[in-house]
Amino acid sequence: MAPRAKTPSKPQAPADRAVSAVSPADAPPADLTQTIVAAITTAIIEHRLAPGAKLTEQKIAAIYGVSRTIVRQALFQLARDHLVRLEPDRGAFVAQPSVEEAREVFAVRRVLEQHLVEAFCEKAVAGDFRALRAHLKQEQAVVGRVDVTGRTRLLGDFHVLMAERIGNHVLAQILSELISRCALITLMYQSSRAAQHSSDEHVEILKALETRDLARAKSLMEAHLLATENSLLYHRRISSANLAEALGSRAA
């Protein structure tokens, strides 16, 4: 399960997660900062940047054609969001949360997503179910293509989309942040089989939601998150230590 990048001002809709090219000549500094924040967050979510990887200001500035001041602002923001660790006289590094913290984050998600299921069952209308069905079609197609980048993002987007569709933008923002931290914490590479299983669980959750079977939907969501936690915590993925390689596809 994976996933979606967070911006501090408001939650991004799943379709808006792609980072566009940086143009220092016509983009204001705040936009450049947010572009770098989104790119690094996405690289972490998609396991292209490993926990502990050094984020060198000069290299990032060269990749995006911006000043180190802009990069520094982005790194401070990422540190506030617990995705980056800043060390005096050493620089910035992708955070390395403990397994204990991982379990705590997943525990918080299970509590929040039980509330999410209740709220969705109560408030969802036909258009919301259509949006989730359309999203699941994308998930299934991407998982079928063994598209690691796409499936990681879309599997996480399913949960955020539920909150966005019923207008709970605070919950969407919190889930977006937690999903970002989950991707970092788990340190894993999700196999195609595990990804397919996770997407299939989303299908079953949606079926329960469509019939307003609250008890079954809550049970399925709980089992889904527990299965995700258990499958991710002990399988590591080797990520890139090369900043240009990890961020280049989003900076080009």
Protein backbone atom coordinates (compact mmCIF):
# COMPACT_ATOMS: atom_id res chain seq x y z
CA MET A 1 0.00 0.00 0.00
CA ALA A 2 1.38 3.07 -0.74
CA PRO A 3 1.53 5.95 -1.98
CA ARG A 4 0.38 9.81 -1.65
CA ALA A 5 2.52 13.12 -1.16
CA LYS A 6 1.38 15.80 1.18
CA THR A 7 1.40 19.57 0.88
CA PRO A 8 1.01 21.57 4.07
CA SER A 9 -1.60 24.03 2.84
CA LYS A 10 -4.24 21.58 1.65
CA PRO A 11 -4.53 17.90 0.70
CA GLN A 12 -3.78 17.15 -2.93
CA ALA A 13 -6.34 15.29 -4.95
CA PRO A 14 -4.92 12.02 -6.32
CA ALA A 15 -4.94 13.30 -9.90
CA ASP A 16 -2.85 16.31 -8.91
CA ARG A 17 0.13 14.45 -7.54
CA ALA A 18 2.34 14.64 -10.57
CA VAL A 19 5.03 17.28 -10.21
CA SER A 20 5.45 19.58 -13.17
CA ALA A 21 8.69 20.92 -14.51
CA VAL A 22 10.39 23.66 -12.55
CA SER A 23 10.92 26.97 -14.33
CA PRO A 24 12.83 29.37 -12.04
CA ALA A 25 12.31 32.21 -14.48
CA ASP A 26 8.53 32.31 -14.13
CA ALA A 27 7.70 30.42 -10.93
CA PRO A 28 7.56 32.27 -7.59
CA PRO A 29 9.84 31.02 -4.77
CA ALA A 30 6.92 29.57 -2.79
CA ASP A 31 5.88 27.44 -5.78
CA LEU A 32 9.44 26.22 -6.26
CA THR A 33 9.63 25.24 -2.61
CA GLN A 34 6.39 23.28 -2.84
CA THR A 35 7.55 21.56 -6.03
CA ILE A 36 10.68 20.31 -4.27
CA VAL A 37 8.70 19.27 -1.17
CA ALA A 38 6.28 17.30 -3.34
CA ALA A 39 9.05 15.70 -5.39
CA ILE A 40 11.04 14.52 -2.37
CA THR A 41 7.90 13.31 -0.60
CA THR A 42 6.84 11.35 -3.68
CA ALA A 43 10.33 9.86 -4.06
CA ILE A 44 10.11 8.64 -0.45
CA ILE A 45 6.58 7.25 -0.89
CA GLU A 46 7.57 5.41 -4.05
CA HIS A 47 10.72 4.03 -2.39
CA ARG A 48 13.11 5.85 -4.75
CA LEU A 49 14.81 7.51 -1.76
CA ALA A 50 15.90 5.22 1.05
CA PRO A 51 15.70 5.99 4.78
CA GLY A 52 18.98 7.56 5.81
CA ALA A 53 19.76 8.90 2.33
CA LYS A 54 21.59 12.22 2.44
CA LEU A 55 19.77 15.15 0.84
CA THR A 56 22.53 17.46 -0.29
CA GLU A 57 21.36 21.04 -0.73
CA GLN A 58 23.79 21.80 -3.55
CA LYS A 59 22.78 18.71 -5.56
CA ILE A 60 19.06 19.37 -5.18
CA ALA A 61 19.56 23.02 -6.13
CA ALA A 62 21.40 21.91 -9.29
CA ILE A 63 18.68 19.36 -10.20
CA TYR A 64 15.95 22.00 -10.00
CA GLY A 65 17.93 25.06 -11.05
CA VAL A 66 17.09 26.98 -7.88
CA SER A 67 18.97 28.60 -5.03
CA ARG A 68 20.05 26.69 -1.94
CA THR A 69 17.77 28.98 0.07
CA ILE A 70 14.76 27.52 -1.75
CA VAL A 71 16.04 24.00 -1.11
CA ARG A 72 16.66 24.78 2.56
CA GLN A 73 13.07 25.99 2.96
CA ALA A 74 11.81 22.73 1.44
CA LEU A 75 13.98 20.64 3.74
CA PHE A 76 12.77 22.53 6.82
CA GLN A 77 9.19 21.83 5.77
CA LEU A 78 9.91 18.13 5.24
CA ALA A 79 11.58 17.98 8.66
CA ARG A 80 8.45 19.44 10.23
CA ASP A 81 6.46 16.67 8.54
CA HIS A 82 8.81 14.01 10.02
CA LEU A 83 10.05 12.85 6.62
CA VAL A 84 13.50 14.45 6.88
CA ARG A 85 15.97 14.67 9.76
CA LEU A 86 18.15 17.79 10.04
CA GLU A 87 21.48 17.36 11.82
CA PRO A 88 23.70 20.32 12.81
CA ASP A 89 26.93 20.46 10.77
CA ARG A 90 25.92 17.32 8.86
CA GLY A 91 22.92 18.31 6.77
CA ALA A 92 19.60 16.71 5.88
CA PHE A 93 18.77 13.01 5.69
CA VAL A 94 15.65 11.00 4.93
CA ALA A 95 14.29 10.03 8.34
CA GLN A 96 14.77 6.54 9.76
CA PRO A 97 11.83 5.81 12.05
CA SER A 98 11.97 2.80 14.36
CA VAL A 99 9.79 -0.29 14.04
CA GLU A 100 8.05 0.82 17.24
CA GLU A 101 7.14 4.12 15.59
CA ALA A 102 5.96 2.17 12.56
CA ARG A 103 3.55 0.16 14.66
CA GLU A 104 2.30 3.35 16.34
CA VAL A 105 1.62 5.00 12.98
CA PHE A 106 -0.30 1.98 11.72
CA ALA A 107 -2.26 1.86 14.99
CA VAL A 108 -3.29 5.50 14.50
CA ARG A 109 -4.33 4.76 10.93
CA ARG A 110 -6.54 1.88 12.05
CA VAL A 111 -8.37 4.16 14.48
CA LEU A 112 -8.79 6.97 11.96
CA GLU A 113 -9.90 4.70 9.15
CA GLN A 114 -12.57 3.07 11.29
CA HIS A 115 -14.02 6.57 11.65
CA LEU A 116 -13.53 7.13 7.92
CA VAL A 117 -15.56 4.03 7.06
CA GLU A 118 -18.37 5.14 9.39
CA ALA A 119 -18.46 8.64 7.91
CA PHE A 120 -18.32 7.35 4.33
CA CYS A 121 -21.20 4.91 4.92
CA GLU A 122 -23.26 7.74 6.35
CA LYS A 123 -22.49 10.50 3.83
CA ALA A 124 -21.49 8.91 0.52
CA VAL A 125 -23.73 9.44 -2.50
CA ALA A 126 -23.79 7.78 -5.91
CA GLY A 127 -21.07 10.03 -7.33
CA ASP A 128 -18.70 9.10 -4.52
CA PHE A 129 -19.07 5.40 -5.24
CA ARG A 130 -18.51 6.06 -8.96
CA ALA A 131 -15.31 7.93 -8.13
CA LEU A 132 -14.00 5.05 -6.02
CA ARG A 133 -14.91 2.50 -8.69
CA ALA A 134 -13.04 4.57 -11.29
CA HIS A 135 -10.06 4.77 -8.98
CA LEU A 136 -10.06 1.00 -8.46
CA LYS A 137 -10.02 0.47 -12.22
CA GLN A 138 -6.83 2.52 -12.34
CA GLU A 139 -5.38 0.52 -9.44
CA GLN A 140 -6.10 -2.81 -11.09
CA ALA A 141 -4.65 -1.67 -14.40
CA VAL A 142 -1.46 -0.40 -12.80
CA VAL A 143 -1.00 -3.46 -10.61
CA GLY A 144 -1.49 -5.61 -13.69
CA ARG A 145 1.33 -3.76 -15.45
CA VAL A 146 3.63 -4.26 -12.46
CA ASP A 147 4.04 -0.49 -12.33
CA VAL A 148 5.73 -0.06 -8.93
CA THR A 149 5.63 3.73 -9.00
CA GLY A 150 2.00 3.95 -10.03
CA ARG A 151 0.65 1.23 -7.78
CA THR A 152 2.38 2.59 -4.68
CA ARG A 153 0.77 5.98 -5.20
CA LEU A 154 -2.67 4.68 -6.17
CA LEU A 155 -2.98 2.18 -3.32
CA GLY A 156 -2.47 5.00 -0.83
CA ASP A 157 -4.73 7.37 -2.77
CA PHE A 158 -7.73 5.07 -2.27
CA HIS A 159 -7.86 5.90 1.44
CA VAL A 160 -7.34 9.64 0.98
CA LEU A 161 -9.94 9.75 -1.80
CA MET A 162 -12.57 8.34 0.55
CA ALA A 163 -12.06 11.27 2.93
CA GLU A 164 -11.93 13.82 0.12
CA ARG A 165 -15.15 12.59 -1.47
CA ILE A 166 -17.18 13.16 1.70
CA GLY A 167 -15.61 16.58 2.20
CA ASN A 168 -13.49 15.79 5.27
CA HIS A 169 -10.36 17.60 4.15
CA VAL A 170 -8.80 17.57 7.62
CA LEU A 171 -8.97 13.77 7.72
CA ALA A 172 -7.70 13.59 4.13
CA GLN A 173 -4.72 15.75 5.11
CA ILE A 174 -3.92 13.64 8.17
CA LEU A 175 -4.22 10.38 6.22
CA SER A 176 -2.02 11.78 3.47
CA GLU A 177 0.66 12.58 6.03
CA LEU A 178 0.38 9.20 7.73
CA ILE A 179 0.52 7.34 4.42
CA SER A 180 3.68 9.25 3.55
CA ARG A 181 5.20 8.19 6.86
CA CYS A 182 4.05 4.59 6.34
CA ALA A 183 5.89 4.45 3.03
CA LEU A 184 9.07 5.66 4.71
CA ILE A 185 8.67 3.52 7.82
CA THR A 186 8.05 0.19 6.16
CA LEU A 187 11.35 0.23 4.23
CA MET A 188 9.99 -2.30 1.85
CA TYR A 189 9.48 -3.26 -1.75
CA GLN A 190 5.96 -4.55 -2.20
CA SER A 191 5.76 -7.54 -4.48
CA SER A 192 3.31 -7.57 -7.38
CA ARG A 193 1.38 -10.34 -5.64
CA ALA A 194 1.10 -8.34 -2.40
CA ALA A 195 0.04 -5.24 -4.34
CA GLN A 196 -2.65 -7.21 -6.19
CA HIS A 197 -3.92 -8.60 -2.91
CA SER A 198 -4.08 -5.11 -1.41
CA SER A 199 -6.03 -3.79 -4.39
CA ASP A 200 -8.41 -6.76 -4.23
CA GLU A 201 -9.06 -5.89 -0.58
CA HIS A 202 -10.00 -2.37 -1.68
CA VAL A 203 -12.57 -3.89 -4.04
CA GLU A 204 -14.14 -5.87 -1.20
CA ILE A 205 -14.19 -2.81 1.06
CA LEU A 206 -15.98 -0.83 -1.64
CA LYS A 207 -18.56 -3.60 -2.11
CA ALA A 208 -19.36 -3.46 1.61
CA LEU A 209 -19.59 0.31 1.51
CA GLU A 210 -21.95 0.23 -1.47
CA THR A 211 -24.37 -2.02 0.43
CA ARG A 212 -23.99 0.19 3.54
CA ASP A 213 -22.82 -2.88 5.47
CA LEU A 214 -20.95 -0.89 8.11
CA ALA A 215 -19.88 -3.81 10.27
CA ARG A 216 -18.39 -5.70 7.32
CA ALA A 217 -16.72 -2.58 5.88
CA LYS A 218 -15.07 -1.79 9.22
CA SER A 219 -13.93 -5.39 9.64
CA LEU A 220 -12.48 -5.48 6.12
CA MET A 221 -10.66 -2.17 6.61
CA GLU A 222 -9.16 -3.36 9.92
CA ALA A 223 -7.99 -6.62 8.35
CA HIS A 224 -6.65 -4.75 5.31
CA LEU A 225 -4.49 -2.41 7.38
CA LEU A 226 -3.22 -5.21 9.61
CA ALA A 227 -2.31 -7.29 6.56
CA THR A 228 -0.52 -4.31 5.02
CA GLU A 229 1.47 -3.68 8.19
CA ASN A 230 2.45 -7.32 8.56
CA SER A 231 3.50 -7.66 4.92
CA LEU A 232 5.52 -4.45 4.79
CA LEU A 233 7.51 -4.22 7.98
CA TYR A 234 9.91 -7.04 7.30
CA HIS A 235 10.56 -6.74 3.57
CA ARG A 236 13.11 -4.13 2.60
CA ARG A 237 13.50 -2.45 -0.75
CA ILE A 238 16.86 -1.22 -1.95
CA SER A 239 16.30 2.39 -2.98
CA SER A 240 18.46 4.74 -4.94
CA ALA A 241 21.18 6.74 -3.17
CA ASN A 242 21.53 8.94 -6.25
CA LEU A 243 19.53 12.16 -5.84
CA ALA A 244 19.43 12.91 -9.56
CA GLU A 245 18.18 9.39 -10.26
CA ALA A 246 15.58 9.50 -7.48
CA LEU A 247 14.30 13.00 -8.29
CA GLY A 248 15.19 13.31 -11.95
CA SER A 249 11.96 11.90 -13.34
CA ARG A 250 10.01 14.56 -11.47
CA ALA A 251 12.40 17.39 -12.27
CA ALA A 252 12.59 16.83 -16.01
